[in-house]
Amino acid sequence: MPLAFLLDRFHDLPATRSLVGRLPSPGKRIGVGGLPGSSPAVLVATLTRALPQRVFTVVAPTPADGERWLADPQTLLGPESTAL
């Protein structure tokens, strides 16, 4: 994976490590905001790699937004790890 280094660096950030440590139990949700550009997708990809037993869901306002949002995690994780 050519962008694995990006996910590794994002995982090493103190804020990301803190989030991993305080994620709610399965079936619960947490909102994260204030992330610019594609960084929300990088965060979800990082969490997916760090916690492969968990399923992460992103809710987009429209199907077109969902398709646009999906492009980044597919690039970072591969199409086999993502779904619309």
N, C-alpha and C. Protein backbone atom coordinates (compact mmCIF):
# COMPACT_ATOMS: atom_id res chain seq x y z
N MET A 1 0.86 -1.18 0.00
CA MET A 1 0.00 0.00 0.00
C MET A 1 0.90 1.24 0.00
N PRO A 2 0.86 2.02 -1.05
CA PRO A 2 1.76 3.16 -1.15
C PRO A 2 1.51 4.26 -0.14
N LEU A 3 0.35 4.36 0.42
CA LEU A 3 0.06 5.44 1.37
C LEU A 3 0.02 4.96 2.82
N ALA A 4 0.54 3.78 3.08
CA ALA A 4 0.55 3.26 4.46
C ALA A 4 1.29 4.19 5.40
N PHE A 5 2.36 4.82 4.91
CA PHE A 5 3.13 5.74 5.75
C PHE A 5 2.25 6.88 6.27
N LEU A 6 1.29 7.33 5.45
CA LEU A 6 0.40 8.42 5.87
C LEU A 6 -0.48 7.96 7.04
N LEU A 7 -1.01 6.75 6.94
CA LEU A 7 -1.84 6.22 8.03
C LEU A 7 -1.00 5.99 9.28
N ASP A 8 0.23 5.54 9.10
CA ASP A 8 1.11 5.35 10.26
C ASP A 8 1.37 6.67 10.98
N ARG A 9 1.65 7.72 10.22
CA ARG A 9 1.91 9.04 10.83
C ARG A 9 0.67 9.60 11.51
N PHE A 10 -0.49 9.42 10.87
CA PHE A 10 -1.74 9.90 11.46
C PHE A 10 -2.02 9.15 12.75
N HIS A 11 -1.74 7.84 12.78
CA HIS A 11 -1.95 7.05 13.98
C HIS A 11 -1.06 7.50 15.13
N ASP A 12 0.12 8.00 14.79
CA ASP A 12 1.07 8.42 15.82
C ASP A 12 0.73 9.77 16.46
N LEU A 13 -0.21 10.50 15.90
CA LEU A 13 -0.60 11.78 16.48
C LEU A 13 -1.25 11.57 17.85
N PRO A 14 -0.94 12.41 18.83
CA PRO A 14 -1.53 12.26 20.16
C PRO A 14 -3.07 12.27 20.14
N ALA A 15 -3.67 13.12 19.32
CA ALA A 15 -5.13 13.19 19.28
C ALA A 15 -5.73 11.89 18.74
N THR A 16 -5.08 11.28 17.77
CA THR A 16 -5.58 10.01 17.23
C THR A 16 -5.45 8.91 18.26
N ARG A 17 -4.31 8.85 18.91
CA ARG A 17 -4.13 7.82 19.95
C ARG A 17 -5.15 7.99 21.08
N SER A 18 -5.43 9.21 21.43
CA SER A 18 -6.43 9.48 22.46
C SER A 18 -7.80 9.00 22.01
N LEU A 19 -8.15 9.28 20.77
CA LEU A 19 -9.44 8.85 20.24
C LEU A 19 -9.56 7.33 20.23
N VAL A 20 -8.51 6.65 19.80
CA VAL A 20 -8.52 5.18 19.78
C VAL A 20 -8.79 4.65 21.19
N GLY A 21 -8.21 5.29 22.19
CA GLY A 21 -8.38 4.84 23.57
C GLY A 21 -9.74 5.12 24.17
N ARG A 22 -10.48 6.05 23.58
CA ARG A 22 -11.78 6.39 24.17
C ARG A 22 -12.96 6.15 23.24
N LEU A 23 -12.76 5.33 22.21
CA LEU A 23 -13.90 5.00 21.34
C LEU A 23 -14.97 4.29 22.14
N PRO A 24 -16.22 4.58 21.85
CA PRO A 24 -17.29 3.91 22.60
C PRO A 24 -17.40 2.44 22.22
N SER A 25 -18.13 1.72 23.00
CA SER A 25 -18.33 0.30 22.72
C SER A 25 -19.09 0.12 21.41
N PRO A 26 -18.99 -1.07 20.79
CA PRO A 26 -19.74 -1.31 19.55
C PRO A 26 -21.23 -1.02 19.73
N GLY A 27 -21.82 -0.44 18.71
CA GLY A 27 -23.22 -0.08 18.75
C GLY A 27 -23.46 1.36 19.20
N LYS A 28 -22.44 1.98 19.73
CA LYS A 28 -22.52 3.38 20.15
C LYS A 28 -21.86 4.23 19.08
N ARG A 29 -22.06 5.53 19.18
CA ARG A 29 -21.44 6.40 18.18
C ARG A 29 -20.76 7.57 18.85
N ILE A 30 -19.86 8.15 18.08
CA ILE A 30 -19.13 9.32 18.54
C ILE A 30 -19.00 10.25 17.33
N GLY A 31 -19.17 11.50 17.56
CA GLY A 31 -19.00 12.48 16.49
C GLY A 31 -17.64 13.13 16.61
N VAL A 32 -17.01 13.33 15.48
CA VAL A 32 -15.71 14.00 15.43
C VAL A 32 -15.83 15.11 14.40
N GLY A 33 -15.44 16.30 14.75
CA GLY A 33 -15.56 17.42 13.83
C GLY A 33 -14.31 18.27 13.80
N GLY A 34 -14.34 19.27 12.93
CA GLY A 34 -13.24 20.21 12.84
C GLY A 34 -12.05 19.73 12.05
N LEU A 35 -12.20 18.64 11.31
CA LEU A 35 -11.09 18.13 10.52
C LEU A 35 -11.18 18.68 9.09
N PRO A 36 -10.10 19.28 8.60
CA PRO A 36 -10.16 19.89 7.26
C PRO A 36 -9.92 18.89 6.13
N GLY A 37 -10.43 19.22 4.96
CA GLY A 37 -10.14 18.47 3.74
C GLY A 37 -10.45 16.99 3.84
N SER A 38 -9.48 16.18 3.46
CA SER A 38 -9.65 14.72 3.46
C SER A 38 -9.25 14.08 4.78
N SER A 39 -8.91 14.87 5.78
CA SER A 39 -8.46 14.28 7.04
C SER A 39 -9.52 13.42 7.73
N PRO A 40 -10.84 13.69 7.59
CA PRO A 40 -11.79 12.74 8.18
C PRO A 40 -11.66 11.34 7.58
N ALA A 41 -11.45 11.26 6.27
CA ALA A 41 -11.28 9.96 5.61
C ALA A 41 -9.99 9.29 6.07
N VAL A 42 -8.94 10.08 6.25
CA VAL A 42 -7.68 9.53 6.74
C VAL A 42 -7.87 9.00 8.16
N LEU A 43 -8.62 9.72 8.98
CA LEU A 43 -8.88 9.26 10.34
C LEU A 43 -9.65 7.94 10.34
N VAL A 44 -10.69 7.84 9.55
CA VAL A 44 -11.47 6.59 9.48
C VAL A 44 -10.59 5.45 8.98
N ALA A 45 -9.76 5.71 7.98
CA ALA A 45 -8.86 4.67 7.48
C ALA A 45 -7.86 4.25 8.56
N THR A 46 -7.35 5.22 9.31
CA THR A 46 -6.42 4.93 10.40
C THR A 46 -7.08 4.08 11.47
N LEU A 47 -8.30 4.43 11.85
CA LEU A 47 -9.02 3.65 12.86
C LEU A 47 -9.33 2.25 12.35
N THR A 48 -9.65 2.13 11.09
CA THR A 48 -9.93 0.82 10.49
C THR A 48 -8.70 -0.07 10.56
N ARG A 49 -7.54 0.50 10.28
CA ARG A 49 -6.29 -0.28 10.37
C ARG A 49 -5.95 -0.62 11.82
N ALA A 50 -6.16 0.32 12.73
CA ALA A 50 -5.79 0.10 14.13
C ALA A 50 -6.73 -0.87 14.83
N LEU A 51 -7.99 -0.90 14.39
CA LEU A 51 -9.01 -1.73 15.04
C LEU A 51 -9.74 -2.57 13.99
N PRO A 52 -9.08 -3.57 13.41
CA PRO A 52 -9.68 -4.32 12.30
C PRO A 52 -10.94 -5.10 12.69
N GLN A 53 -11.15 -5.32 13.97
CA GLN A 53 -12.34 -6.05 14.42
C GLN A 53 -13.59 -5.15 14.45
N ARG A 54 -13.40 -3.86 14.31
CA ARG A 54 -14.51 -2.90 14.36
C ARG A 54 -14.97 -2.52 12.96
N VAL A 55 -16.23 -2.14 12.86
CA VAL A 55 -16.78 -1.62 11.61
C VAL A 55 -17.08 -0.14 11.84
N PHE A 56 -16.59 0.70 10.95
CA PHE A 56 -16.81 2.13 11.05
C PHE A 56 -17.77 2.55 9.95
N THR A 57 -18.74 3.37 10.31
CA THR A 57 -19.78 3.82 9.39
C THR A 57 -19.73 5.34 9.29
N VAL A 58 -19.79 5.81 8.05
CA VAL A 58 -19.85 7.25 7.79
C VAL A 58 -21.20 7.51 7.14
N VAL A 59 -21.92 8.48 7.66
CA VAL A 59 -23.23 8.85 7.10
C VAL A 59 -23.05 10.14 6.31
N ALA A 60 -23.38 10.08 5.03
CA ALA A 60 -23.28 11.24 4.15
C ALA A 60 -24.69 11.74 3.83
N PRO A 61 -24.83 13.04 3.56
CA PRO A 61 -26.16 13.59 3.33
C PRO A 61 -26.84 13.11 2.04
N THR A 62 -26.08 12.77 1.03
CA THR A 62 -26.67 12.30 -0.23
C THR A 62 -25.85 11.13 -0.77
N PRO A 63 -26.42 10.32 -1.66
CA PRO A 63 -25.64 9.25 -2.27
C PRO A 63 -24.39 9.77 -3.01
N ALA A 64 -24.52 10.89 -3.68
CA ALA A 64 -23.36 11.46 -4.39
C ALA A 64 -22.26 11.85 -3.40
N ASP A 65 -22.64 12.43 -2.26
CA ASP A 65 -21.66 12.76 -1.23
C ASP A 65 -21.00 11.50 -0.70
N GLY A 66 -21.77 10.45 -0.52
CA GLY A 66 -21.23 9.18 -0.06
C GLY A 66 -20.21 8.61 -1.03
N GLU A 67 -20.51 8.69 -2.32
CA GLU A 67 -19.57 8.21 -3.32
C GLU A 67 -18.28 9.02 -3.32
N ARG A 68 -18.40 10.33 -3.19
CA ARG A 68 -17.21 11.18 -3.13
C ARG A 68 -16.40 10.88 -1.87
N TRP A 69 -17.10 10.71 -0.76
CA TRP A 69 -16.43 10.43 0.51
C TRP A 69 -15.69 9.10 0.46
N LEU A 70 -16.26 8.11 -0.21
CA LEU A 70 -15.70 6.77 -0.27
C LEU A 70 -14.37 6.72 -1.01
N ALA A 71 -14.13 7.62 -1.93
CA ALA A 71 -12.94 7.57 -2.77
C ALA A 71 -11.65 7.60 -1.95
N ASP A 72 -11.58 8.42 -0.92
CA ASP A 72 -10.35 8.52 -0.12
C ASP A 72 -10.05 7.24 0.66
N PRO A 73 -11.00 6.70 1.42
CA PRO A 73 -10.69 5.44 2.12
C PRO A 73 -10.36 4.29 1.16
N GLN A 74 -10.99 4.26 -0.01
CA GLN A 74 -10.65 3.22 -0.97
C GLN A 74 -9.20 3.36 -1.43
N THR A 75 -8.75 4.58 -1.62
CA THR A 75 -7.36 4.80 -2.01
C THR A 75 -6.42 4.41 -0.90
N LEU A 76 -6.78 4.70 0.34
CA LEU A 76 -5.90 4.43 1.48
C LEU A 76 -5.91 2.97 1.91
N LEU A 77 -7.07 2.31 1.84
CA LEU A 77 -7.22 0.96 2.36
C LEU A 77 -7.39 -0.11 1.28
N GLY A 78 -7.80 0.32 0.11
CA GLY A 78 -8.12 -0.63 -0.95
C GLY A 78 -9.61 -0.88 -1.01
N PRO A 79 -10.11 -1.22 -2.19
CA PRO A 79 -11.56 -1.38 -2.35
C PRO A 79 -12.15 -2.56 -1.56
N GLU A 80 -11.33 -3.53 -1.22
CA GLU A 80 -11.84 -4.69 -0.47
C GLU A 80 -12.16 -4.34 0.98
N SER A 81 -11.69 -3.23 1.46
CA SER A 81 -11.90 -2.83 2.87
C SER A 81 -13.01 -1.78 3.02
N THR A 82 -13.62 -1.38 1.92
CA THR A 82 -14.62 -0.31 1.99
C THR A 82 -15.87 -0.71 1.20
N ALA A 83 -16.97 -0.09 1.55
CA ALA A 83 -18.23 -0.36 0.85
C ALA A 83 -19.13 0.86 0.94
N LEU A 84 -20.00 0.99 -0.04
CA LEU A 84 -20.97 2.08 -0.05
C LEU A 84 -22.31 1.53 0.32
